[in-house]
Amino acid sequence: MEAVSDAAVEMKPNEAPIDLETIFHAQYPRIARVIASVIREPARAEEIAVEVFLKWSRNPKAQGELAAGWLYRVAVRMAHNELRRRTRRSRHESLFDVVRRTPTPEELLAARQEQQKIDVVLSVIEPRHAELLVLRANGLTYDELASALELNPASVGTFLVRAQQAFRKEYIERYERGR
């Protein structure tokens, strides 16, 4: 077996040995608080803080004088990653909820009544406004709207705002004045 040289084991006189436990106890509460301030979930923040220290212990370049800065930087990055992960997860879960969940009879009735109100309002506002709103609600771009309704592409935004205002005014007059 190869013998390890004394020079490799020796520490420089001013250099303290890296002690994960000491640094962990000194920095952990602050690191966990920083993470919790970002993700707003203290229990998960504590788990992530432990992961930060594990990363730190495996990265020799992060150890030394700049360890505290490295810890905070990685803590914030991991907290932001957690937020992104949650956002993606909730987006995907909401898509599955829409597919899986069957609406209640009350929800179906409310949706049908609301659609009837919208149909009435669309039937009484100016036809061009109604067409514009229906086409935009179906995902047409401004250029497609301009082409379909023979409008100047630069004017579509103005026409759309006017159509929305006309719809809003009529809806409020018919259905929300008496409340």
Protein backbone atom coordinates (compact mmCIF):
# COMPACT_ATOMS: atom_id res chain seq x y z
CA MET A 1 0.00 0.00 0.00
CA GLU A 2 1.06 3.52 -0.64
CA ALA A 3 1.85 5.58 2.41
CA VAL A 4 0.20 8.96 2.76
CA SER A 5 2.80 11.67 3.11
CA ASP A 6 2.92 13.82 6.24
CA ALA A 7 2.62 16.94 4.11
CA ALA A 8 -0.81 15.86 2.85
CA VAL A 9 -2.12 15.33 6.39
CA GLU A 10 -0.59 18.44 7.94
CA MET A 11 -2.73 21.52 8.35
CA LYS A 12 -1.37 25.00 8.05
CA PRO A 13 -1.06 26.69 11.46
CA ASN A 14 -3.74 29.35 10.80
CA GLU A 15 -6.16 26.97 9.16
CA ALA A 16 -8.85 25.37 11.33
CA PRO A 17 -10.14 21.96 10.33
CA ILE A 18 -13.43 22.00 8.50
CA ASP A 19 -16.01 20.81 10.95
CA LEU A 20 -19.39 20.24 9.35
CA GLU A 21 -21.12 19.89 12.69
CA THR A 22 -19.83 23.23 14.01
CA ILE A 23 -20.73 25.11 10.84
CA PHE A 24 -24.08 23.35 10.66
CA HIS A 25 -25.00 24.39 14.21
CA ALA A 26 -23.78 27.92 13.63
CA GLN A 27 -25.48 28.53 10.26
CA TYR A 28 -28.44 26.14 10.06
CA PRO A 29 -31.09 28.31 11.79
CA ARG A 30 -30.32 31.31 9.57
CA ILE A 31 -30.15 29.22 6.39
CA ALA A 32 -33.50 27.57 7.22
CA ARG A 33 -35.06 31.01 7.89
CA VAL A 34 -33.81 32.36 4.57
CA ILE A 35 -35.30 29.41 2.73
CA ALA A 36 -38.57 29.66 4.70
CA SER A 37 -38.85 33.34 3.81
CA VAL A 38 -38.84 32.34 0.13
CA ILE A 39 -41.01 29.22 0.14
CA ARG A 40 -43.23 30.04 3.14
CA GLU A 41 -43.19 26.48 4.43
CA PRO A 42 -40.95 26.04 7.52
CA ALA A 43 -40.91 22.25 7.56
CA ARG A 44 -39.87 21.98 3.91
CA ALA A 45 -37.36 24.82 4.46
CA GLU A 46 -35.64 22.75 7.14
CA GLU A 47 -35.36 19.79 4.76
CA ILE A 48 -33.89 21.98 2.04
CA ALA A 49 -31.45 23.54 4.55
CA VAL A 50 -30.11 20.07 5.32
CA GLU A 51 -29.69 19.46 1.58
CA VAL A 52 -27.74 22.73 1.33
CA PHE A 53 -25.30 21.57 3.99
CA LEU A 54 -24.92 18.18 2.34
CA LYS A 55 -24.03 19.92 -0.93
CA TRP A 56 -21.61 22.15 0.94
CA SER A 57 -19.91 19.19 2.63
CA ARG A 58 -19.34 17.53 -0.76
CA ASN A 59 -17.91 20.63 -2.41
CA PRO A 60 -14.34 21.40 -1.25
CA LYS A 61 -14.25 24.63 -3.25
CA ALA A 62 -17.19 25.97 -1.22
CA GLN A 63 -15.44 25.45 2.08
CA GLY A 64 -13.23 28.04 3.69
CA GLU A 65 -13.64 31.77 4.23
CA LEU A 66 -16.45 32.10 1.74
CA ALA A 67 -18.54 29.24 3.11
CA ALA A 68 -21.27 31.44 4.58
CA GLY A 69 -21.79 33.29 1.30
CA TRP A 70 -21.86 30.03 -0.61
CA LEU A 71 -24.39 28.57 1.81
CA TYR A 72 -26.74 31.54 1.47
CA ARG A 73 -26.42 31.66 -2.30
CA VAL A 74 -27.18 27.96 -2.66
CA ALA A 75 -30.00 28.20 -0.11
CA VAL A 76 -31.76 30.92 -2.10
CA ARG A 77 -31.25 29.04 -5.37
CA MET A 78 -32.63 25.83 -3.91
CA ALA A 79 -35.59 27.73 -2.46
CA HIS A 80 -36.37 29.21 -5.87
CA ASN A 81 -36.04 25.77 -7.43
CA GLU A 82 -38.58 24.52 -4.89
CA LEU A 83 -40.99 27.29 -5.87
CA ARG A 84 -40.59 26.42 -9.55
CA ARG A 85 -41.12 22.75 -8.76
CA ARG A 86 -44.32 23.57 -6.85
CA THR A 87 -45.59 25.76 -9.67
CA ARG A 88 -45.03 23.04 -12.23
CA ARG A 89 -46.62 20.45 -9.99
CA SER A 90 -49.70 22.55 -9.25
CA ARG A 91 -50.10 23.35 -12.94
CA HIS A 92 -49.98 19.66 -13.84
CA GLU A 93 -52.24 18.66 -10.95
CA SER A 94 -54.81 21.28 -11.91
CA LEU A 95 -54.85 19.89 -15.44
CA PHE A 96 -55.50 16.42 -14.08
CA ASP A 97 -58.19 17.75 -11.73
CA VAL A 98 -60.04 19.24 -14.68
CA VAL A 99 -59.88 15.93 -16.50
CA ARG A 100 -60.69 13.75 -13.49
CA ARG A 101 -63.22 15.87 -11.64
CA THR A 102 -66.83 15.75 -12.71
CA PRO A 103 -68.69 18.99 -12.09
CA THR A 104 -71.58 18.93 -9.66
CA PRO A 105 -75.11 19.61 -10.91
CA GLU A 106 -74.96 23.02 -9.21
CA GLU A 107 -71.75 23.89 -11.03
CA LEU A 108 -73.25 22.79 -14.35
CA LEU A 109 -76.35 24.89 -13.73
CA ALA A 110 -74.31 27.96 -12.74
CA ALA A 111 -72.10 27.58 -15.83
CA ARG A 112 -75.17 27.20 -18.08
CA GLN A 113 -76.81 30.28 -16.53
CA GLU A 114 -73.64 32.32 -16.95
CA GLN A 115 -73.33 31.22 -20.58
CA GLN A 116 -76.95 32.27 -21.19
CA LYS A 117 -76.18 35.74 -19.77
CA ILE A 118 -73.13 36.02 -22.02
CA ASP A 119 -75.19 34.95 -25.05
CA VAL A 120 -77.83 37.59 -24.30
CA VAL A 121 -75.22 40.33 -23.96
CA LEU A 122 -73.48 39.27 -27.15
CA SER A 123 -76.80 39.35 -28.99
CA VAL A 124 -77.57 42.96 -28.01
CA ILE A 125 -74.18 44.65 -28.41
CA GLU A 126 -72.98 45.80 -31.81
CA PRO A 127 -72.46 42.71 -34.06
CA ARG A 128 -68.89 43.68 -34.93
CA HIS A 129 -68.02 43.88 -31.21
CA ALA A 130 -69.62 40.51 -30.58
CA GLU A 131 -67.73 38.91 -33.47
CA LEU A 132 -64.46 40.37 -32.27
CA LEU A 133 -64.96 39.11 -28.71
CA VAL A 134 -66.03 35.64 -29.78
CA LEU A 135 -63.12 35.22 -32.17
CA ARG A 136 -60.60 36.51 -29.61
CA ALA A 137 -62.05 34.17 -26.95
CA ASN A 138 -61.39 31.34 -29.40
CA GLY A 139 -57.72 32.17 -29.53
CA LEU A 140 -57.32 34.19 -32.71
CA THR A 141 -54.30 36.49 -32.80
CA TYR A 142 -54.56 40.18 -33.61
CA ASP A 143 -53.40 39.50 -37.17
CA GLU A 144 -55.98 36.75 -37.61
CA LEU A 145 -58.69 39.03 -36.18
CA ALA A 146 -57.69 41.78 -38.60
CA SER A 147 -57.89 39.40 -41.52
CA ALA A 148 -61.18 37.78 -40.46
CA LEU A 149 -62.96 41.07 -39.75
CA GLU A 150 -61.22 43.13 -42.44
CA LEU A 151 -59.67 45.53 -39.94
CA ASN A 152 -56.41 47.40 -40.00
CA PRO A 153 -54.02 45.24 -37.90
CA ALA A 154 -52.84 48.33 -36.02
CA SER A 155 -56.44 49.05 -34.94
CA VAL A 156 -57.35 45.64 -33.59
CA GLY A 157 -56.27 46.48 -30.04
CA THR A 158 -58.41 49.62 -29.97
CA PHE A 159 -61.43 47.80 -31.39
CA LEU A 160 -60.96 45.00 -28.89
CA VAL A 161 -60.88 47.41 -25.94
CA ARG A 162 -64.04 49.11 -27.19
CA ALA A 163 -65.76 45.76 -27.62
CA GLN A 164 -64.79 44.71 -24.10
CA GLN A 165 -66.07 48.00 -22.68
CA ALA A 166 -69.36 47.66 -24.55
CA PHE A 167 -69.77 44.08 -23.30
CA ARG A 168 -68.91 45.04 -19.72
CA LYS A 169 -71.33 48.00 -19.75
CA GLU A 170 -74.22 45.93 -21.09
CA TYR A 171 -73.52 43.03 -18.71
CA ILE A 172 -73.47 45.32 -15.68
CA GLU A 173 -76.66 47.10 -16.73
CA ARG A 174 -78.53 43.85 -17.27
CA TYR A 175 -77.27 41.65 -14.46
CA GLU A 176 -75.48 43.58 -11.76
CA ARG A 177 -77.46 46.81 -11.37
CA GLY A 178 -80.20 45.25 -9.28
CA ARG A 179 -77.89 43.49 -6.84
